Amino acid sequence: MTSVIDSPYKGSGQLTRQQFLFYEMRTTAKLMKEGMDDSQILNRIVSENLYQYPTEKTIKQVAAGCIARLRGLNDNRLVFEIANGDTETAKQCCLYAMMKQYRLIWDFMITVIGNKYRQQDYSISRMDINAFFLQLQEQDDLVASWAESTVKRIEMIIAKLLIDNGYVNNRKDTRLQPVLISRVLENALRENGDAVALPAFCCLN
């Protein structure tokens, strides 16, 4: 069992605040493509309240998270697609960025969603998400220490993530929809050494 100190899931608790953030990621990416540095981006978002949030503290937290997520891609092509690409491509690139930032999302998309596509199992339900967390709790001390409310909140975020990216149609939908990976993202995954994540986007070749 992985100890709290060695857990790859450190920081995953931030998911309860950060979530998918498509609009915020797109807004931030546009500023990044204008050539602003991180402090300039943060100041612009805060001063003009570009996210339309009620408090400056929340704006700063989310903006810092979006900047980190975009920088974590280390791929200007994908940042450009998030800023200016069509909605479906931009969302897929945002999902990849979220997977890169949070090991928990990475593991869920590959081990649950990717494996379902591999096995041609197109059923998906809250039970699959619950089973994923139960397995993590058995393997990792940090995840096992999370409050039930934290786990439930992250489970809800994952469920919404699947809706936002077209994997399911709504919260009651139990059929996993096949998605069509963007060519830009497919190429980036292969070139960045992340081809293991291709099945999470229904790319099995």
Protein backbone atom coordinates (compact mmCIF):
# COMPACT_ATOMS: atom_id res chain seq x y z
CA MET A 1 0.00 0.00 0.00
CA THR A 2 1.39 3.41 -0.96
CA SER A 3 2.06 5.70 2.01
CA VAL A 4 0.71 9.21 2.37
CA ILE A 5 4.19 10.64 1.77
CA ASP A 6 4.76 8.66 -1.43
CA SER A 7 1.22 8.95 -2.78
CA PRO A 8 0.96 9.98 -6.45
CA TYR A 9 -2.46 11.44 -5.61
CA LYS A 10 -1.16 14.41 -3.62
CA GLY A 11 -3.03 17.53 -4.65
CA SER A 12 -6.02 15.59 -5.95
CA GLY A 13 -8.09 17.13 -3.17
CA GLN A 14 -7.82 20.40 -5.12
CA LEU A 15 -10.21 18.85 -7.63
CA THR A 16 -13.04 19.91 -5.35
CA ARG A 17 -12.13 23.52 -6.20
CA GLN A 18 -10.57 23.31 -9.66
CA GLN A 19 -12.80 20.91 -11.63
CA PHE A 20 -12.82 20.95 -15.46
CA LEU A 21 -12.94 24.73 -15.95
CA PHE A 22 -13.36 24.81 -19.74
CA TYR A 23 -14.38 28.47 -20.00
CA GLU A 24 -11.63 29.53 -17.58
CA MET A 25 -9.01 27.44 -19.39
CA ARG A 26 -10.00 28.91 -22.75
CA THR A 27 -9.89 32.45 -21.38
CA THR A 28 -6.46 31.86 -19.83
CA ALA A 29 -5.08 30.18 -22.95
CA LYS A 30 -6.05 33.18 -25.08
CA LEU A 31 -4.01 35.46 -22.81
CA MET A 32 -1.12 33.00 -22.87
CA LYS A 33 -1.11 33.02 -26.66
CA GLU A 34 -0.90 36.83 -26.58
CA GLY A 35 2.57 36.37 -25.12
CA MET A 36 1.85 37.39 -21.53
CA ASP A 37 3.90 35.90 -18.73
CA ASP A 38 2.19 34.17 -15.83
CA SER A 39 2.06 37.21 -13.54
CA GLN A 40 0.61 39.36 -16.33
CA ILE A 41 -2.02 36.74 -17.06
CA LEU A 42 -2.97 36.50 -13.39
CA ASN A 43 -3.16 40.28 -12.97
CA ARG A 44 -5.31 40.69 -16.09
CA ILE A 45 -7.75 37.98 -15.03
CA VAL A 46 -8.06 39.44 -11.53
CA SER A 47 -8.21 43.12 -12.47
CA GLU A 48 -10.90 42.58 -15.12
CA ASN A 49 -12.60 39.66 -13.34
CA LEU A 50 -12.53 37.72 -16.60
CA TYR A 51 -13.99 34.63 -14.96
CA GLN A 52 -16.90 36.59 -13.49
CA TYR A 53 -16.34 35.14 -10.01
CA PRO A 54 -17.64 36.81 -6.83
CA THR A 55 -14.37 36.98 -4.86
CA GLU A 56 -10.79 37.89 -5.74
CA LYS A 57 -9.45 34.97 -3.69
CA THR A 58 -11.36 32.46 -5.82
CA ILE A 59 -10.30 34.17 -9.04
CA LYS A 60 -6.63 33.99 -8.03
CA GLN A 61 -6.86 30.33 -7.01
CA VAL A 62 -8.56 29.23 -10.21
CA ALA A 63 -6.37 31.39 -12.43
CA ALA A 64 -3.23 29.96 -10.86
CA GLY A 65 -4.62 26.46 -11.39
CA CYS A 66 -5.43 27.13 -15.05
CA ILE A 67 -1.98 28.59 -15.69
CA ALA A 68 -0.32 25.57 -14.07
CA ARG A 69 -2.52 23.19 -16.06
CA LEU A 70 -1.71 24.90 -19.37
CA ARG A 71 2.01 25.10 -18.62
CA GLY A 72 1.93 21.44 -17.65
CA LEU A 73 0.98 20.54 -21.21
CA ASN A 74 4.38 21.81 -22.38
CA ASP A 75 2.88 21.93 -25.87
CA ASN A 76 2.13 25.21 -27.62
CA ARG A 77 -0.05 23.48 -30.22
CA LEU A 78 -2.47 22.29 -27.57
CA VAL A 79 -2.55 25.65 -25.82
CA PHE A 80 -3.42 27.19 -29.19
CA GLU A 81 -6.24 24.68 -29.70
CA ILE A 82 -7.64 25.41 -26.24
CA ALA A 83 -7.56 29.13 -27.04
CA ASN A 84 -8.79 29.09 -30.61
CA GLY A 85 -9.80 25.59 -31.72
CA ASP A 86 -13.31 24.25 -32.16
CA THR A 87 -15.10 23.44 -28.93
CA GLU A 88 -14.77 19.65 -29.14
CA THR A 89 -11.03 19.75 -29.83
CA ALA A 90 -10.46 22.39 -27.16
CA LYS A 91 -12.35 20.33 -24.59
CA GLN A 92 -10.33 17.21 -25.38
CA CYS A 93 -7.11 19.18 -24.96
CA CYS A 94 -8.42 20.55 -21.65
CA LEU A 95 -9.20 17.02 -20.51
CA TYR A 96 -5.66 15.91 -21.38
CA ALA A 97 -4.31 18.91 -19.44
CA MET A 98 -6.41 17.89 -16.46
CA MET A 99 -5.16 14.32 -16.75
CA LYS A 100 -1.58 15.59 -16.79
CA GLN A 101 -2.17 17.71 -13.68
CA TYR A 102 -4.04 15.12 -11.62
CA ARG A 103 -2.83 11.53 -11.44
CA LEU A 104 -6.28 10.53 -10.19
CA ILE A 105 -7.96 11.74 -13.40
CA TRP A 106 -5.18 10.18 -15.48
CA ASP A 107 -5.70 6.79 -13.84
CA PHE A 108 -9.49 6.94 -14.04
CA MET A 109 -9.56 7.84 -17.73
CA ILE A 110 -7.04 5.16 -18.66
CA THR A 111 -7.96 2.29 -16.33
CA VAL A 112 -11.74 2.74 -16.38
CA ILE A 113 -12.73 4.54 -19.58
CA GLY A 114 -9.83 3.31 -21.70
CA ASN A 115 -10.30 -0.29 -20.60
CA LYS A 116 -14.03 -0.13 -21.35
CA TYR A 117 -13.30 0.96 -24.91
CA ARG A 118 -10.68 -1.80 -25.24
CA GLN A 119 -13.17 -4.40 -24.06
CA GLN A 120 -16.03 -2.89 -26.09
CA ASP A 121 -17.95 -2.52 -22.84
CA TYR A 122 -20.15 0.52 -23.38
CA SER A 123 -21.83 0.51 -19.98
CA ILE A 124 -20.86 3.18 -17.47
CA SER A 125 -22.44 4.04 -14.14
CA ARG A 126 -21.72 5.56 -10.76
CA MET A 127 -20.82 2.04 -9.63
CA ASP A 128 -17.79 2.10 -11.94
CA ILE A 129 -16.62 5.33 -10.34
CA ASN A 130 -17.26 3.94 -6.85
CA ALA A 131 -15.31 0.78 -7.67
CA PHE A 132 -12.38 2.87 -8.91
CA PHE A 133 -12.24 4.77 -5.62
CA LEU A 134 -12.58 1.63 -3.53
CA GLN A 135 -9.59 0.16 -5.32
CA LEU A 136 -7.57 3.35 -4.80
CA GLN A 137 -8.45 3.37 -1.10
CA GLU A 138 -7.16 -0.18 -0.77
CA GLN A 139 -3.89 0.72 -2.48
CA ASP A 140 -3.12 4.23 -1.22
CA ASP A 141 -3.06 5.55 2.35
CA LEU A 142 -3.69 9.14 1.31
CA VAL A 143 -6.84 8.33 -0.65
CA ALA A 144 -7.96 6.06 2.20
CA SER A 145 -7.64 9.03 4.58
CA TRP A 146 -9.96 11.30 2.59
CA ALA A 147 -13.29 12.18 4.14
CA GLU A 148 -16.31 10.55 2.56
CA SER A 149 -17.54 14.01 1.55
CA THR A 150 -14.30 14.64 -0.38
CA VAL A 151 -14.59 11.34 -2.24
CA LYS A 152 -18.22 11.98 -3.12
CA ARG A 153 -17.37 15.47 -4.35
CA ILE A 154 -14.60 14.16 -6.61
CA GLU A 155 -16.89 11.40 -7.86
CA MET A 156 -19.42 14.06 -8.85
CA ILE A 157 -16.69 16.05 -10.62
CA ILE A 158 -15.66 12.96 -12.60
CA ALA A 159 -19.28 12.27 -13.52
CA LYS A 160 -19.66 15.85 -14.79
CA LEU A 161 -16.34 15.60 -16.61
CA LEU A 162 -17.71 12.68 -18.62
CA ILE A 163 -20.79 14.70 -19.55
CA ASP A 164 -18.78 17.79 -20.49
CA ASN A 165 -16.63 15.75 -22.86
CA GLY A 166 -19.39 13.74 -24.54
CA TYR A 167 -18.69 10.36 -22.95
CA VAL A 168 -22.25 10.27 -21.62
CA ASN A 169 -25.26 12.42 -22.45
CA ASN A 170 -26.46 13.19 -18.93
CA ARG A 171 -26.13 12.08 -15.30
CA LYS A 172 -28.64 9.26 -15.73
CA ASP A 173 -27.09 7.93 -18.94
CA THR A 174 -25.48 4.51 -18.48
CA ARG A 175 -24.17 4.11 -22.03
CA LEU A 176 -20.61 5.12 -22.79
CA GLN A 177 -20.51 6.98 -26.09
CA PRO A 178 -17.57 6.48 -28.47
CA VAL A 179 -15.65 9.72 -28.88
CA LEU A 180 -13.62 10.78 -31.90
CA ILE A 181 -10.18 11.99 -30.88
CA SER A 182 -8.90 15.20 -32.43
CA ARG A 183 -6.03 14.59 -34.84
CA VAL A 184 -4.07 17.36 -33.14
CA LEU A 185 -4.43 15.69 -29.74
CA GLU A 186 -3.70 12.23 -31.11
CA ASN A 187 -0.45 13.45 -32.65
CA ALA A 188 0.50 15.26 -29.44
CA LEU A 189 -0.12 12.17 -27.29
CA ARG A 190 2.09 10.07 -29.53
CA GLU A 191 4.85 12.67 -29.80
CA ASN A 192 4.81 13.48 -26.07
CA GLY A 193 5.23 9.85 -25.06
CA ASP A 194 1.68 9.62 -23.71
CA ALA A 195 0.29 7.11 -26.21
CA VAL A 196 -0.86 5.03 -23.22
CA ALA A 197 -3.66 7.59 -22.83
CA LEU A 198 -5.03 7.11 -26.36
CA PRO A 199 -7.64 4.49 -25.34
CA ALA A 200 -9.14 7.06 -22.94
CA PHE A 201 -10.14 8.94 -26.09
CA CYS A 202 -11.43 5.82 -27.83
CA CYS A 203 -8.31 5.60 -30.02
CA LEU A 204 -7.29 1.94 -30.10
CA ASN A 205 -4.95 1.84 -33.09
